[in-house]
Amino acid sequence: MNSLFVQETTNLKPLNVILHKILTFIYFLAHQIGLEIIKVVQSIFPRIIFPDSIIDPLGFLIILTLFMFLVSVAKKIAWIIVCAAWILLFIRILMIIFKLG
């Protein structure tokens, strides 16, 4: 008789705790990125004073831009791979038809 053994884990965290930690990390990253960008801009233009309320939106916009860039690059790479696969498959079919391979 086959029996199924289930290993119990007692350290499972609820999904909302994990989601909270992920969002807190993303907020921390966005804040730090925005703060560094503001520091760079202030070093170039020392007389301009930026309000603190612009730091977080700037950081989130940079993270969103990087994410969109990575997705678009990955999409282009995926299309290149698919096109190359179709070309190679077409060449293989032609080789079979003309008995070259």
C-alpha atoms as a PDB file:
ATOM      1  CA  MET A   1       0.000   0.000   0.000  1.00  0.00           C
ATOM      2  CA  ASN A   2       1.404   3.365  -0.990  1.00  0.00           C
ATOM      3  CA  SER A   3       1.291   6.040   1.626  1.00  0.00           C
ATOM      4  CA  LEU A   4       1.917   9.730   1.301  1.00  0.00           C
ATOM      5  CA  PHE A   5       4.108  11.347   3.886  1.00  0.00           C
ATOM      6  CA  VAL A   6       3.488  15.005   4.523  1.00  0.00           C
ATOM      7  CA  GLN A   7       6.178  16.945   6.255  1.00  0.00           C
ATOM      8  CA  GLU A   8       4.740  19.590   8.506  1.00  0.00           C
ATOM      9  CA  THR A   9       6.368  22.977   8.594  1.00  0.00           C
ATOM     10  CA  THR A  10       5.650  25.197  11.529  1.00  0.00           C
ATOM     11  CA  ASN A  11       7.486  28.287  10.309  1.00  0.00           C
ATOM     12  CA  LEU A  12       5.087  29.299   7.538  1.00  0.00           C
ATOM     13  CA  LYS A  13       4.462  33.013   7.332  1.00  0.00           C
ATOM     14  CA  PRO A  14       1.170  34.424   6.160  1.00  0.00           C
ATOM     15  CA  LEU A  15       1.151  35.907   2.689  1.00  0.00           C
ATOM     16  CA  ASN A  16       0.490  39.413   3.992  1.00  0.00           C
ATOM     17  CA  VAL A  17       3.680  39.325   6.099  1.00  0.00           C
ATOM     18  CA  ILE A  18       5.768  38.292   3.093  1.00  0.00           C
ATOM     19  CA  LEU A  19       4.075  40.883   0.889  1.00  0.00           C
ATOM     20  CA  HIS A  20       4.674  43.566   3.524  1.00  0.00           C
ATOM     21  CA  LYS A  21       8.391  42.725   3.643  1.00  0.00           C
ATOM     22  CA  ILE A  22       8.682  42.827  -0.165  1.00  0.00           C
ATOM     23  CA  LEU A  23       6.873  46.171  -0.418  1.00  0.00           C
ATOM     24  CA  THR A  24       8.932  47.594   2.454  1.00  0.00           C
ATOM     25  CA  PHE A  25      12.121  46.600   0.632  1.00  0.00           C
ATOM     26  CA  ILE A  26      10.888  48.180  -2.629  1.00  0.00           C
ATOM     27  CA  TYR A  27      10.004  51.379  -0.749  1.00  0.00           C
ATOM     28  CA  PHE A  28      13.450  51.414   0.895  1.00  0.00           C
ATOM     29  CA  LEU A  29      15.129  50.985  -2.495  1.00  0.00           C
ATOM     30  CA  ALA A  30      13.005  53.724  -4.072  1.00  0.00           C
ATOM     31  CA  HIS A  31      13.744  56.122  -1.217  1.00  0.00           C
ATOM     32  CA  GLN A  32      17.493  55.502  -1.354  1.00  0.00           C
ATOM     33  CA  ILE A  33      17.634  55.833  -5.147  1.00  0.00           C
ATOM     34  CA  GLY A  34      15.596  59.040  -5.064  1.00  0.00           C
ATOM     35  CA  LEU A  35      17.783  60.442  -2.294  1.00  0.00           C
ATOM     36  CA  GLU A  36      20.985  59.714  -4.229  1.00  0.00           C
ATOM     37  CA  ILE A  37      19.615  61.282  -7.416  1.00  0.00           C
ATOM     38  CA  ILE A  38      18.619  64.422  -5.481  1.00  0.00           C
ATOM     39  CA  LYS A  39      22.117  64.562  -3.947  1.00  0.00           C
ATOM     40  CA  VAL A  40      23.696  64.346  -7.404  1.00  0.00           C
ATOM     41  CA  VAL A  41      21.431  67.068  -8.780  1.00  0.00           C
ATOM     42  CA  GLN A  42      22.113  69.284  -5.736  1.00  0.00           C
ATOM     43  CA  SER A  43      25.849  68.853  -6.202  1.00  0.00           C
ATOM     44  CA  ILE A  44      25.442  70.176  -9.748  1.00  0.00           C
ATOM     45  CA  PHE A  45      22.999  72.950  -8.772  1.00  0.00           C
ATOM     46  CA  PRO A  46      23.859  73.803  -5.145  1.00  0.00           C
ATOM     47  CA  ARG A  47      21.440  76.743  -4.822  1.00  0.00           C
ATOM     48  CA  ILE A  48      18.327  74.750  -5.630  1.00  0.00           C
ATOM     49  CA  ILE A  49      16.537  73.194  -2.656  1.00  0.00           C
ATOM     50  CA  PHE A  50      14.292  70.237  -3.412  1.00  0.00           C
ATOM     51  CA  PRO A  51      11.397  69.351  -1.100  1.00  0.00           C
ATOM     52  CA  ASP A  52      11.536  65.984   0.651  1.00  0.00           C
ATOM     53  CA  SER A  53       8.233  65.003  -0.922  1.00  0.00           C
ATOM     54  CA  ILE A  54       9.914  64.554  -4.325  1.00  0.00           C
ATOM     55  CA  ILE A  55      12.382  61.879  -3.180  1.00  0.00           C
ATOM     56  CA  ASP A  56      10.005  58.902  -3.068  1.00  0.00           C
ATOM     57  CA  PRO A  57       8.176  59.583  -6.371  1.00  0.00           C
ATOM     58  CA  LEU A  58      11.527  60.045  -8.119  1.00  0.00           C
ATOM     59  CA  GLY A  59      12.816  56.743  -6.737  1.00  0.00           C
ATOM     60  CA  PHE A  60       9.656  54.850  -7.673  1.00  0.00           C
ATOM     61  CA  LEU A  61       9.726  56.324 -11.166  1.00  0.00           C
ATOM     62  CA  ILE A  62      13.345  55.212 -11.608  1.00  0.00           C
ATOM     63  CA  ILE A  63      12.497  51.674 -10.422  1.00  0.00           C
ATOM     64  CA  LEU A  64       9.492  51.556 -12.761  1.00  0.00           C
ATOM     65  CA  THR A  65      11.597  52.814 -15.663  1.00  0.00           C
ATOM     66  CA  LEU A  66      14.283  50.196 -15.036  1.00  0.00           C
ATOM     67  CA  PHE A  67      11.645  47.472 -14.816  1.00  0.00           C
ATOM     68  CA  MET A  68      10.043  48.578 -18.082  1.00  0.00           C
ATOM     69  CA  PHE A  69      13.470  48.714 -19.755  1.00  0.00           C
ATOM     70  CA  LEU A  70      14.322  45.189 -18.589  1.00  0.00           C
ATOM     71  CA  VAL A  71      10.966  43.846 -19.760  1.00  0.00           C
ATOM     72  CA  SER A  72      11.333  45.439 -23.175  1.00  0.00           C
ATOM     73  CA  VAL A  73      14.890  44.135 -23.560  1.00  0.00           C
ATOM     74  CA  ALA A  74      13.809  40.658 -22.487  1.00  0.00           C
ATOM     75  CA  LYS A  75      10.917  40.803 -24.935  1.00  0.00           C
ATOM     76  CA  LYS A  76      13.264  41.743 -27.788  1.00  0.00           C
ATOM     77  CA  ILE A  77      15.689  38.972 -26.859  1.00  0.00           C
ATOM     78  CA  ALA A  78      12.819  36.470 -26.743  1.00  0.00           C
ATOM     79  CA  TRP A  79      11.675  37.541 -30.219  1.00  0.00           C
ATOM     80  CA  ILE A  80      15.226  37.225 -31.554  1.00  0.00           C
ATOM     81  CA  ILE A  81      15.485  33.695 -30.144  1.00  0.00           C
ATOM     82  CA  VAL A  82      12.091  32.697 -31.576  1.00  0.00           C
ATOM     83  CA  CYS A  83      12.967  34.121 -35.001  1.00  0.00           C
ATOM     84  CA  ALA A  84      16.335  32.361 -34.983  1.00  0.00           C
ATOM     85  CA  ALA A  85      14.625  29.102 -34.065  1.00  0.00           C
ATOM     86  CA  TRP A  86      12.144  29.455 -36.959  1.00  0.00           C
ATOM     87  CA  ILE A  87      14.985  30.212 -39.379  1.00  0.00           C
ATOM     88  CA  LEU A  88      17.009  27.214 -38.204  1.00  0.00           C
ATOM     89  CA  LEU A  89      13.959  24.967 -38.395  1.00  0.00           C
ATOM     90  CA  PHE A  90      13.178  26.212 -41.905  1.00  0.00           C
ATOM     91  CA  ILE A  91      16.777  25.542 -42.961  1.00  0.00           C
ATOM     92  CA  ARG A  92      16.555  22.038 -41.498  1.00  0.00           C
ATOM     93  CA  ILE A  93      13.308  21.366 -43.391  1.00  0.00           C
ATOM     94  CA  LEU A  94      14.944  22.576 -46.623  1.00  0.00           C
ATOM     95  CA  MET A  95      17.918  20.307 -45.960  1.00  0.00           C
ATOM     96  CA  ILE A  96      15.563  17.350 -45.513  1.00  0.00           C
ATOM     97  CA  ILE A  97      13.618  18.235 -48.679  1.00  0.00           C
ATOM     98  CA  PHE A  98      16.751  18.560 -50.819  1.00  0.00           C
ATOM     99  CA  LYS A  99      18.485  15.637 -49.057  1.00  0.00           C
ATOM    100  CA  LEU A 100      21.474  17.706 -47.983  1.00  0.00           C
ATOM    101  CA  GLY A 101      21.747  16.379 -44.459  1.00  0.00           C
END
